[in-house]
Each structure stands twice: as structure tokens, then as C-alpha cells.
Amino acid sequence: ILAVILNYARRSEVRGSYLEAHFRWQIRTFWFALLWMCVAALVSL
């Protein structure tokens, strides 16, 4: 959770560099993992 907050906090500073893709990769990993677990919970209930 802290890592994602840190990603969002400095996201604008990495624009135009290869680090922008890393920030997007890290943020999407977090949010998609949460999404897939919510879907799994809805299907499993």
C-alpha cells in the first residue's frame, strides 16, 4: 500500500523515462491483483 502511494506521489517526475513504464507496471500489478481477488470472492461466495 505504501509502495503504491509512493508511485502516485512521484509519478510525474518519471514521465518520459523508462521508469514511467515501471511505475505503471507496479501500479497495475497492485490494482489488478485487488480486482482479481474481488472477482474471485464474488464467484466463490
All heavy atoms as atom14 arrays in JSON, in Angstrom:
{
  "sequence": "ILAVILNYARRSEVRGSYLEAHFRWQIRTFWFALLWMCVAALVSL",
  "atom14_mask": [
    [1, 1, 1, 1, 1, 1, 1, 1, 0, 0, 0, 0, 0, 0],
    [1, 1, 1, 1, 1, 1, 1, 1, 0, 0, 0, 0, 0, 0],
    [1, 1, 1, 1, 1, 0, 0, 0, 0, 0, 0, 0, 0, 0],
    [1, 1, 1, 1, 1, 1, 1, 0, 0, 0, 0, 0, 0, 0],
    [1, 1, 1, 1, 1, 1, 1, 1, 0, 0, 0, 0, 0, 0],
    [1, 1, 1, 1, 1, 1, 1, 1, 0, 0, 0, 0, 0, 0],
    [1, 1, 1, 1, 1, 1, 1, 1, 0, 0, 0, 0, 0, 0],
    [1, 1, 1, 1, 1, 1, 1, 1, 1, 1, 1, 1, 0, 0],
    [1, 1, 1, 1, 1, 0, 0, 0, 0, 0, 0, 0, 0, 0],
    [1, 1, 1, 1, 1, 1, 1, 1, 1, 1, 1, 0, 0, 0],
    [1, 1, 1, 1, 1, 1, 1, 1, 1, 1, 1, 0, 0, 0],
    [1, 1, 1, 1, 1, 1, 0, 0, 0, 0, 0, 0, 0, 0],
    [1, 1, 1, 1, 1, 1, 1, 1, 1, 0, 0, 0, 0, 0],
    [1, 1, 1, 1, 1, 1, 1, 0, 0, 0, 0, 0, 0, 0],
    [1, 1, 1, 1, 1, 1, 1, 1, 1, 1, 1, 0, 0, 0],
    [1, 1, 1, 1, 0, 0, 0, 0, 0, 0, 0, 0, 0, 0],
    [1, 1, 1, 1, 1, 1, 0, 0, 0, 0, 0, 0, 0, 0],
    [1, 1, 1, 1, 1, 1, 1, 1, 1, 1, 1, 1, 0, 0],
    [1, 1, 1, 1, 1, 1, 1, 1, 0, 0, 0, 0, 0, 0],
    [1, 1, 1, 1, 1, 1, 1, 1, 1, 0, 0, 0, 0, 0],
    [1, 1, 1, 1, 1, 0, 0, 0, 0, 0, 0, 0, 0, 0],
    [1, 1, 1, 1, 1, 1, 1, 1, 1, 1, 0, 0, 0, 0],
    [1, 1, 1, 1, 1, 1, 1, 1, 1, 1, 1, 0, 0, 0],
    [1, 1, 1, 1, 1, 1, 1, 1, 1, 1, 1, 0, 0, 0],
    [1, 1, 1, 1, 1, 1, 1, 1, 1, 1, 1, 1, 1, 1],
    [1, 1, 1, 1, 1, 1, 1, 1, 1, 0, 0, 0, 0, 0],
    [1, 1, 1, 1, 1, 1, 1, 1, 0, 0, 0, 0, 0, 0],
    [1, 1, 1, 1, 1, 1, 1, 1, 1, 1, 1, 0, 0, 0],
    [1, 1, 1, 1, 1, 1, 1, 0, 0, 0, 0, 0, 0, 0],
    [1, 1, 1, 1, 1, 1, 1, 1, 1, 1, 1, 0, 0, 0],
    [1, 1, 1, 1, 1, 1, 1, 1, 1, 1, 1, 1, 1, 1],
    [1, 1, 1, 1, 1, 1, 1, 1, 1, 1, 1, 0, 0, 0],
    [1, 1, 1, 1, 1, 0, 0, 0, 0, 0, 0, 0, 0, 0],
    [1, 1, 1, 1, 1, 1, 1, 1, 0, 0, 0, 0, 0, 0],
    [1, 1, 1, 1, 1, 1, 1, 1, 0, 0, 0, 0, 0, 0],
    [1, 1, 1, 1, 1, 1, 1, 1, 1, 1, 1, 1, 1, 1],
    [1, 1, 1, 1, 1, 1, 1, 1, 0, 0, 0, 0, 0, 0],
    [1, 1, 1, 1, 1, 1, 0, 0, 0, 0, 0, 0, 0, 0],
    [1, 1, 1, 1, 1, 1, 1, 0, 0, 0, 0, 0, 0, 0],
    [1, 1, 1, 1, 1, 0, 0, 0, 0, 0, 0, 0, 0, 0],
    [1, 1, 1, 1, 1, 0, 0, 0, 0, 0, 0, 0, 0, 0],
    [1, 1, 1, 1, 1, 1, 1, 1, 0, 0, 0, 0, 0, 0],
    [1, 1, 1, 1, 1, 1, 1, 0, 0, 0, 0, 0, 0, 0],
    [1, 1, 1, 1, 1, 1, 0, 0, 0, 0, 0, 0, 0, 0],
    [1, 1, 1, 1, 1, 1, 1, 1, 0, 0, 0, 0, 0, 0]
  ],
  "atom14_positions": [
    [[0.85, -1.19, 0.0], [0.0, 0.0, 0.0], [0.89, 1.25, 0.0], [0.65, 2.19, -0.76], [-0.97, -0.02, 1.2], [-1.98, -1.16, 1.03], [-1.68, 1.33, 1.36], [-2.85, -1.43, 2.25], [0.0, 0.0, 0.0], [0.0, 0.0, 0.0], [0.0, 0.0, 0.0], [0.0, 0.0, 0.0], [0.0, 0.0, 0.0], [0.0, 0.0, 0.0]],
    [[1.92, 1.24, 0.83], [2.87, 2.36, 0.86], [3.57, 2.5, -0.49], [3.75, 3.62, -0.99], [3.9, 2.13, 1.98], [5.01, 3.17, 2.08], [4.45, 4.55, 2.39], [6.01, 2.75, 3.15], [0.0, 0.0, 0.0], [0.0, 0.0, 0.0], [0.0, 0.0, 0.0], [0.0, 0.0, 0.0], [0.0, 0.0, 0.0], [0.0, 0.0, 0.0]],
    [[3.93, 1.38, -1.12], [4.61, 1.42, -2.42], [3.73, 2.08, -3.48], [4.22, 2.91, -4.26], [4.99, 0.0, -2.85], [0.0, 0.0, 0.0], [0.0, 0.0, 0.0], [0.0, 0.0, 0.0], [0.0, 0.0, 0.0], [0.0, 0.0, 0.0], [0.0, 0.0, 0.0], [0.0, 0.0, 0.0], [0.0, 0.0, 0.0], [0.0, 0.0, 0.0]],
    [[2.45, 1.76, -3.5], [1.56, 2.35, -4.5], [1.38, 3.85, -4.23], [1.36, 4.65, -5.17], [0.2, 1.6, -4.53], [-0.82, 2.34, -5.36], [0.4, 0.21, -5.09], [0.0, 0.0, 0.0], [0.0, 0.0, 0.0], [0.0, 0.0, 0.0], [0.0, 0.0, 0.0], [0.0, 0.0, 0.0], [0.0, 0.0, 0.0], [0.0, 0.0, 0.0]],
    [[1.29, 4.22, -2.96], [1.2, 5.65, -2.63], [2.46, 6.37, -3.11], [2.38, 7.46, -3.69], [0.98, 5.83, -1.11], [-0.41, 5.34, -0.72], [1.17, 7.29, -0.7], [-0.65, 5.22, 0.77], [0.0, 0.0, 0.0], [0.0, 0.0, 0.0], [0.0, 0.0, 0.0], [0.0, 0.0, 0.0], [0.0, 0.0, 0.0], [0.0, 0.0, 0.0]],
    [[3.62, 5.75, -2.89], [4.88, 6.35, -3.36], [4.92, 6.45, -4.88], [5.44, 7.42, -5.43], [6.07, 5.54, -2.84], [6.31, 5.59, -1.33], [7.39, 4.59, -0.93], [6.65, 6.99, -0.87], [0.0, 0.0, 0.0], [0.0, 0.0, 0.0], [0.0, 0.0, 0.0], [0.0, 0.0, 0.0], [0.0, 0.0, 0.0], [0.0, 0.0, 0.0]],
    [[4.36, 5.45, -5.58], [4.28, 5.5, -7.04], [3.48, 6.73, -7.49], [3.92, 7.47, -8.35], [3.59, 4.26, -7.6], [4.52, 3.09, -7.81], [4.18, 1.98, -7.43], [5.66, 3.3, -8.39], [0.0, 0.0, 0.0], [0.0, 0.0, 0.0], [0.0, 0.0, 0.0], [0.0, 0.0, 0.0], [0.0, 0.0, 0.0], [0.0, 0.0, 0.0]],
    [[2.31, 6.89, -6.9], [1.47, 8.01, -7.29], [2.11, 9.36, -6.92], [1.96, 10.34, -7.65], [0.08, 7.91, -6.66], [-0.82, 6.92, -7.37], [-1.27, 5.78, -6.73], [-1.24, 7.14, -8.67], [-2.1, 4.87, -7.37], [-2.07, 6.25, -9.33], [-2.5, 5.12, -8.67], [-3.32, 4.23, -9.31], [0.0, 0.0, 0.0], [0.0, 0.0, 0.0]],
    [[2.83, 9.41, -5.81], [3.43, 10.66, -5.33], [4.49, 11.2, -6.29], [4.63, 12.42, -6.44], [4.02, 10.47, -3.94], [0.0, 0.0, 0.0], [0.0, 0.0, 0.0], [0.0, 0.0, 0.0], [0.0, 0.0, 0.0], [0.0, 0.0, 0.0], [0.0, 0.0, 0.0], [0.0, 0.0, 0.0], [0.0, 0.0, 0.0], [0.0, 0.0, 0.0]],
    [[5.24, 10.32, -6.94], [6.35, 10.79, -7.79], [6.18, 10.41, -9.25], [7.14, 10.47, -10.03], [7.67, 10.25, -7.25], [7.86, 10.67, -5.82], [9.14, 10.99, -5.26], [10.18, 11.59, -6.0], [11.46, 11.42, -5.68], [11.8, 10.65, -4.66], [12.4, 12.02, -6.35], [0.0, 0.0, 0.0], [0.0, 0.0, 0.0], [0.0, 0.0, 0.0]],
    [[4.97, 10.05, -9.61], [4.69, 9.6, -10.97], [5.06, 10.66, -12.02], [5.6, 10.34, -13.08], [3.22, 9.25, -11.07], [2.82, 8.48, -12.27], [1.36, 8.11, -12.17], [1.0, 7.17, -13.2], [-0.2, 6.73, -13.38], [-1.17, 7.1, -12.59], [-0.45, 5.87, -14.34], [0.0, 0.0, 0.0], [0.0, 0.0, 0.0], [0.0, 0.0, 0.0]],
    [[4.77, 11.91, -11.75], [5.04, 12.97, -12.73], [6.54, 13.17, -12.96], [6.95, 13.62, -14.03], [4.4, 14.28, -12.29], [4.96, 14.71, -11.07], [0.0, 0.0, 0.0], [0.0, 0.0, 0.0], [0.0, 0.0, 0.0], [0.0, 0.0, 0.0], [0.0, 0.0, 0.0], [0.0, 0.0, 0.0], [0.0, 0.0, 0.0], [0.0, 0.0, 0.0]],
    [[7.36, 12.84, -11.98], [8.81, 13.03, -12.09], [9.47, 12.03, -13.04], [10.6, 12.26, -13.49], [9.46, 12.94, -10.72], [9.04, 14.06, -9.78], [9.62, 13.89, -8.4], [10.84, 13.57, -8.31], [8.87, 14.06, -7.43], [0.0, 0.0, 0.0], [0.0, 0.0, 0.0], [0.0, 0.0, 0.0], [0.0, 0.0, 0.0], [0.0, 0.0, 0.0]],
    [[8.82, 10.92, -13.31], [9.43, 9.89, -14.16], [8.89, 9.92, -15.59], [9.3, 9.11, -16.42], [9.25, 8.47, -13.56], [9.96, 8.37, -12.22], [7.79, 8.08, -13.45], [0.0, 0.0, 0.0], [0.0, 0.0, 0.0], [0.0, 0.0, 0.0], [0.0, 0.0, 0.0], [0.0, 0.0, 0.0], [0.0, 0.0, 0.0], [0.0, 0.0, 0.0]],
    [[7.97, 10.86, -15.88], [7.41, 10.94, -17.23], [8.5, 11.12, -18.27], [9.42, 11.89, -18.1], [6.43, 12.1, -17.32], [5.11, 11.72, -16.77], [3.94, 12.24, -17.54], [2.76, 11.6, -16.93], [2.17, 12.04, -15.83], [2.62, 13.12, -15.24], [1.13, 11.4, -15.34], [0.0, 0.0, 0.0], [0.0, 0.0, 0.0], [0.0, 0.0, 0.0]],
    [[8.39, 10.36, -19.35], [9.34, 10.46, -20.44], [10.57, 9.59, -20.29], [11.4, 9.54, -21.18], [0.0, 0.0, 0.0], [0.0, 0.0, 0.0], [0.0, 0.0, 0.0], [0.0, 0.0, 0.0], [0.0, 0.0, 0.0], [0.0, 0.0, 0.0], [0.0, 0.0, 0.0], [0.0, 0.0, 0.0], [0.0, 0.0, 0.0], [0.0, 0.0, 0.0]],
    [[10.68, 8.87, -19.17], [11.82, 7.97, -18.98], [11.3, 6.53, -18.93], [10.1, 6.3, -18.84], [12.58, 8.3, -17.69], [11.82, 7.93, -16.55], [0.0, 0.0, 0.0], [0.0, 0.0, 0.0], [0.0, 0.0, 0.0], [0.0, 0.0, 0.0], [0.0, 0.0, 0.0], [0.0, 0.0, 0.0], [0.0, 0.0, 0.0], [0.0, 0.0, 0.0]],
    [[12.21, 5.59, -18.95], [11.8, 4.19, -18.86], [11.18, 3.88, -17.5], [10.46, 2.89, -17.35], [12.96, 3.24, -19.18], [14.04, 3.18, -18.12], [14.0, 2.21, -17.14], [15.09, 4.08, -18.11], [14.98, 2.14, -16.17], [16.07, 4.03, -17.15], [16.02, 3.06, -16.18], [16.99, 3.0, -15.21], [0.0, 0.0, 0.0], [0.0, 0.0, 0.0]],
    [[11.44, 4.72, -16.5], [10.85, 4.49, -15.18], [9.33, 4.69, -15.19], [8.63, 4.12, -14.35], [11.49, 5.41, -14.14], [12.96, 5.16, -13.83], [13.45, 6.15, -12.79], [13.19, 3.72, -13.38], [0.0, 0.0, 0.0], [0.0, 0.0, 0.0], [0.0, 0.0, 0.0], [0.0, 0.0, 0.0], [0.0, 0.0, 0.0], [0.0, 0.0, 0.0]],
    [[8.84, 5.46, -16.13], [7.39, 5.64, -16.24], [6.7, 4.29, -16.46], [5.66, 4.01, -15.87], [7.07, 6.6, -17.39], [5.59, 6.88, -17.54], [5.3, 7.89, -18.65], [6.22, 8.25, -19.43], [4.14, 8.33, -18.73], [0.0, 0.0, 0.0], [0.0, 0.0, 0.0], [0.0, 0.0, 0.0], [0.0, 0.0, 0.0], [0.0, 0.0, 0.0]],
    [[7.3, 3.45, -17.28], [6.74, 2.11, -17.52], [6.8, 1.26, -16.25], [5.9, 0.47, -15.99], [7.48, 1.43, -18.66], [0.0, 0.0, 0.0], [0.0, 0.0, 0.0], [0.0, 0.0, 0.0], [0.0, 0.0, 0.0], [0.0, 0.0, 0.0], [0.0, 0.0, 0.0], [0.0, 0.0, 0.0], [0.0, 0.0, 0.0], [0.0, 0.0, 0.0]],
    [[7.85, 1.43, -15.45], [7.94, 0.68, -14.19], [6.87, 1.13, -13.21], [6.26, 0.29, -12.54], [9.33, 0.84, -13.56], [10.37, 0.01, -14.22], [10.52, -1.34, -13.96], [11.28, 0.32, -15.17], [11.5, -1.81, -14.71], [11.97, -0.83, -15.46], [0.0, 0.0, 0.0], [0.0, 0.0, 0.0], [0.0, 0.0, 0.0], [0.0, 0.0, 0.0]],
    [[6.64, 2.42, -13.11], [5.6, 2.91, -12.21], [4.23, 2.38, -12.65], [3.44, 1.94, -11.82], [5.6, 4.44, -12.18], [6.58, 5.03, -11.2], [7.88, 4.56, -11.12], [6.21, 6.05, -10.36], [8.79, 5.11, -10.21], [7.09, 6.61, -9.45], [8.4, 6.13, -9.38], [0.0, 0.0, 0.0], [0.0, 0.0, 0.0], [0.0, 0.0, 0.0]],
    [[3.97, 2.42, -13.95], [2.7, 1.9, -14.47], [2.59, 0.39, -14.17], [1.55, -0.1, -13.76], [2.61, 2.18, -15.97], [1.28, 1.81, -16.59], [1.15, 2.27, -18.04], [2.27, 1.88, -18.88], [3.17, 2.73, -19.38], [3.1, 4.02, -19.11], [4.15, 2.3, -20.15], [0.0, 0.0, 0.0], [0.0, 0.0, 0.0], [0.0, 0.0, 0.0]],
    [[3.68, -0.34, -14.36], [3.74, -1.79, -14.1], [3.42, -2.08, -12.64], [2.63, -2.97, -12.32], [5.14, -2.27, -14.47], [5.47, -3.71, -14.32], [6.01, -4.31, -13.22], [5.31, -4.75, -15.28], [6.21, -5.65, -13.45], [5.79, -5.94, -14.71], [4.83, -4.78, -16.59], [5.79, -7.15, -15.4], [4.84, -5.98, -17.26], [5.31, -7.15, -16.67]],
    [[4.04, -1.33, -11.72], [3.84, -1.55, -10.29], [2.4, -1.2, -9.87], [1.77, -1.95, -9.12], [4.84, -0.7, -9.49], [6.26, -1.16, -9.67], [7.28, -0.15, -9.16], [7.01, 1.05, -9.09], [8.46, -0.62, -8.83], [0.0, 0.0, 0.0], [0.0, 0.0, 0.0], [0.0, 0.0, 0.0], [0.0, 0.0, 0.0], [0.0, 0.0, 0.0]],
    [[1.91, -0.08, -10.36], [0.55, 0.34, -10.01], [-0.47, -0.66, -10.54], [-1.39, -1.07, -9.83], [0.28, 1.77, -10.55], [1.1, 2.79, -9.75], [-1.21, 2.1, -10.49], [1.12, 4.18, -10.37], [0.0, 0.0, 0.0], [0.0, 0.0, 0.0], [0.0, 0.0, 0.0], [0.0, 0.0, 0.0], [0.0, 0.0, 0.0], [0.0, 0.0, 0.0]],
    [[-0.3, -1.06, -11.78], [-1.25, -2.01, -12.37], [-1.18, -3.38, -11.69], [-2.2, -4.05, -11.55], [-1.0, -2.15, -13.87], [-1.47, -0.97, -14.64], [-1.24, -1.17, -16.12], [-1.76, -0.02, -16.86], [-1.7, 0.09, -18.16], [-1.15, -0.87, -18.89], [-2.18, 1.15, -18.75], [0.0, 0.0, 0.0], [0.0, 0.0, 0.0], [0.0, 0.0, 0.0]],
    [[-0.01, -3.8, -11.29], [0.11, -5.08, -10.58], [-0.72, -5.03, -9.32], [-1.48, -5.97, -9.02], [1.58, -5.39, -10.25], [2.34, -5.45, -11.46], [1.72, -6.7, -9.5], [0.0, 0.0, 0.0], [0.0, 0.0, 0.0], [0.0, 0.0, 0.0], [0.0, 0.0, 0.0], [0.0, 0.0, 0.0], [0.0, 0.0, 0.0], [0.0, 0.0, 0.0]],
    [[-0.62, -3.96, -8.57], [-1.39, -3.82, -7.33], [-2.9, -3.82, -7.59], [-3.64, -4.6, -7.0], [-0.98, -2.53, -6.6], [-1.74, -2.31, -5.32], [-1.31, -2.91, -4.15], [-2.87, -1.51, -5.29], [-2.02, -2.71, -2.97], [-3.57, -1.3, -4.13], [-3.15, -1.91, -2.96], [0.0, 0.0, 0.0], [0.0, 0.0, 0.0], [0.0, 0.0, 0.0]],
    [[-3.34, -2.93, -8.48], [-4.79, -2.79, -8.71], [-5.4, -4.02, -9.39], [-6.53, -4.41, -9.07], [-5.09, -1.51, -9.49], [-4.88, -0.29, -8.65], [-3.95, 0.69, -8.85], [-5.6, 0.08, -7.46], [-4.05, 1.63, -7.86], [-5.05, 1.29, -6.99], [-6.63, -0.5, -6.74], [-5.51, 1.95, -5.86], [-7.1, 0.15, -5.6], [-6.54, 1.35, -5.18]],
    [[-4.69, -4.64, -10.31], [-5.24, -5.85, -10.94], [-5.28, -7.02, -9.97], [-6.2, -7.84, -10.02], [-4.48, -6.21, -12.22], [-4.97, -5.48, -13.43], [-4.21, -4.46, -14.0], [-6.19, -5.77, -14.0], [-4.66, -3.77, -15.1], [-6.66, -5.09, -15.11], [-5.9, -4.08, -15.66], [0.0, 0.0, 0.0], [0.0, 0.0, 0.0], [0.0, 0.0, 0.0]],
    [[-4.3, -7.12, -9.08], [-4.35, -8.18, -8.06], [-5.57, -7.98, -7.17], [-6.29, -8.95, -6.86], [-3.07, -8.18, -7.22], [0.0, 0.0, 0.0], [0.0, 0.0, 0.0], [0.0, 0.0, 0.0], [0.0, 0.0, 0.0], [0.0, 0.0, 0.0], [0.0, 0.0, 0.0], [0.0, 0.0, 0.0], [0.0, 0.0, 0.0], [0.0, 0.0, 0.0]],
    [[-5.84, -6.75, -6.77], [-7.02, -6.46, -5.97], [-8.3, -6.78, -6.75], [-9.22, -7.42, -6.22], [-7.03, -5.0, -5.52], [-8.23, -4.56, -4.69], [-8.34, -5.36, -3.4], [-8.14, -3.06, -4.38], [0.0, 0.0, 0.0], [0.0, 0.0, 0.0], [0.0, 0.0, 0.0], [0.0, 0.0, 0.0], [0.0, 0.0, 0.0], [0.0, 0.0, 0.0]],
    [[-8.34, -6.37, -8.0], [-9.51, -6.65, -8.84], [-9.78, -8.14, -8.96], [-10.91, -8.6, -8.77], [-9.32, -6.03, -10.23], [-10.39, -6.41, -11.27], [-11.72, -5.76, -10.93], [-9.93, -6.04, -12.66], [0.0, 0.0, 0.0], [0.0, 0.0, 0.0], [0.0, 0.0, 0.0], [0.0, 0.0, 0.0], [0.0, 0.0, 0.0], [0.0, 0.0, 0.0]],
    [[-8.73, -8.92, -9.27], [-8.92, -10.36, -9.46], [-9.34, -11.05, -8.17], [-10.1, -12.02, -8.19], [-7.68, -11.01, -10.06], [-7.52, -10.62, -11.5], [-6.47, -9.96, -12.06], [-8.46, -10.83, -12.56], [-6.7, -9.75, -13.4], [-7.92, -10.28, -13.73], [-9.71, -11.43, -12.63], [-8.57, -10.29, -14.96], [-10.37, -11.45, -13.85], [-9.8, -10.9, -15.0]],
    [[-8.87, -10.55, -7.03], [-9.3, -11.15, -5.76], [-10.75, -10.79, -5.44], [-11.48, -11.61, -4.89], [-8.36, -10.75, -4.62], [-6.99, -11.36, -4.76], [-6.95, -13.11, -5.28], [-7.87, -13.9, -3.99], [0.0, 0.0, 0.0], [0.0, 0.0, 0.0], [0.0, 0.0, 0.0], [0.0, 0.0, 0.0], [0.0, 0.0, 0.0], [0.0, 0.0, 0.0]],
    [[-11.19, -9.61, -5.82], [-12.61, -9.25, -5.65], [-13.49, -10.11, -6.55], [-14.54, -10.59, -6.12], [-12.82, -7.76, -5.96], [-12.14, -6.66, -4.71], [0.0, 0.0, 0.0], [0.0, 0.0, 0.0], [0.0, 0.0, 0.0], [0.0, 0.0, 0.0], [0.0, 0.0, 0.0], [0.0, 0.0, 0.0], [0.0, 0.0, 0.0], [0.0, 0.0, 0.0]],
    [[-13.05, -10.32, -7.78], [-13.79, -11.2, -8.69], [-13.84, -12.62, -8.12], [-14.89, -13.27, -8.12], [-13.17, -11.19, -10.11], [-13.75, -12.29, -10.98], [-13.35, -9.82, -10.75], [0.0, 0.0, 0.0], [0.0, 0.0, 0.0], [0.0, 0.0, 0.0], [0.0, 0.0, 0.0], [0.0, 0.0, 0.0], [0.0, 0.0, 0.0], [0.0, 0.0, 0.0]],
    [[-12.72, -13.1, -7.62], [-12.68, -14.45, -7.03], [-13.63, -14.55, -5.84], [-14.32, -15.56, -5.67], [-11.26, -14.8, -6.61], [0.0, 0.0, 0.0], [0.0, 0.0, 0.0], [0.0, 0.0, 0.0], [0.0, 0.0, 0.0], [0.0, 0.0, 0.0], [0.0, 0.0, 0.0], [0.0, 0.0, 0.0], [0.0, 0.0, 0.0], [0.0, 0.0, 0.0]],
    [[-13.68, -13.51, -5.03], [-14.59, -13.52, -3.88], [-16.05, -13.53, -4.33], [-16.87, -14.27, -3.78], [-14.32, -12.31, -2.99], [0.0, 0.0, 0.0], [0.0, 0.0, 0.0], [0.0, 0.0, 0.0], [0.0, 0.0, 0.0], [0.0, 0.0, 0.0], [0.0, 0.0, 0.0], [0.0, 0.0, 0.0], [0.0, 0.0, 0.0], [0.0, 0.0, 0.0]],
    [[-16.37, -12.75, -5.35], [-17.74, -12.72, -5.86], [-18.16, -14.04, -6.47], [-19.31, -14.47, -6.35], [-17.9, -11.59, -6.88], [-17.89, -10.18, -6.31], [-17.88, -9.15, -7.44], [-19.08, -9.96, -5.39], [0.0, 0.0, 0.0], [0.0, 0.0, 0.0], [0.0, 0.0, 0.0], [0.0, 0.0, 0.0], [0.0, 0.0, 0.0], [0.0, 0.0, 0.0]],
    [[-17.24, -14.69, -7.15], [-17.54, -16.0, -7.75], [-17.62, -17.08, -6.67], [-18.46, -17.97, -6.73], [-16.48, -16.36, -8.81], [-16.61, -17.81, -9.26], [-16.6, -15.42, -10.0], [0.0, 0.0, 0.0], [0.0, 0.0, 0.0], [0.0, 0.0, 0.0], [0.0, 0.0, 0.0], [0.0, 0.0, 0.0], [0.0, 0.0, 0.0], [0.0, 0.0, 0.0]],
    [[-16.77, -16.99, -5.68], [-16.69, -18.03, -4.65], [-17.82, -17.97, -3.64], [-18.24, -19.0, -3.12], [-15.35, -17.93, -3.91], [-14.29, -18.12, -4.81], [0.0, 0.0, 0.0], [0.0, 0.0, 0.0], [0.0, 0.0, 0.0], [0.0, 0.0, 0.0], [0.0, 0.0, 0.0], [0.0, 0.0, 0.0], [0.0, 0.0, 0.0], [0.0, 0.0, 0.0]],
    [[-18.33, -16.78, -3.35], [-19.36, -16.65, -2.33], [-20.61, -17.49, -2.62], [-21.06, -18.24, -1.75], [-19.73, -15.17, -2.13], [-20.73, -14.9, -1.0], [-20.16, -15.37, 0.33], [-21.07, -13.43, -0.96], [0.0, 0.0, 0.0], [0.0, 0.0, 0.0], [0.0, 0.0, 0.0], [0.0, 0.0, 0.0], [0.0, 0.0, 0.0], [0.0, 0.0, 0.0]]
  ]
}
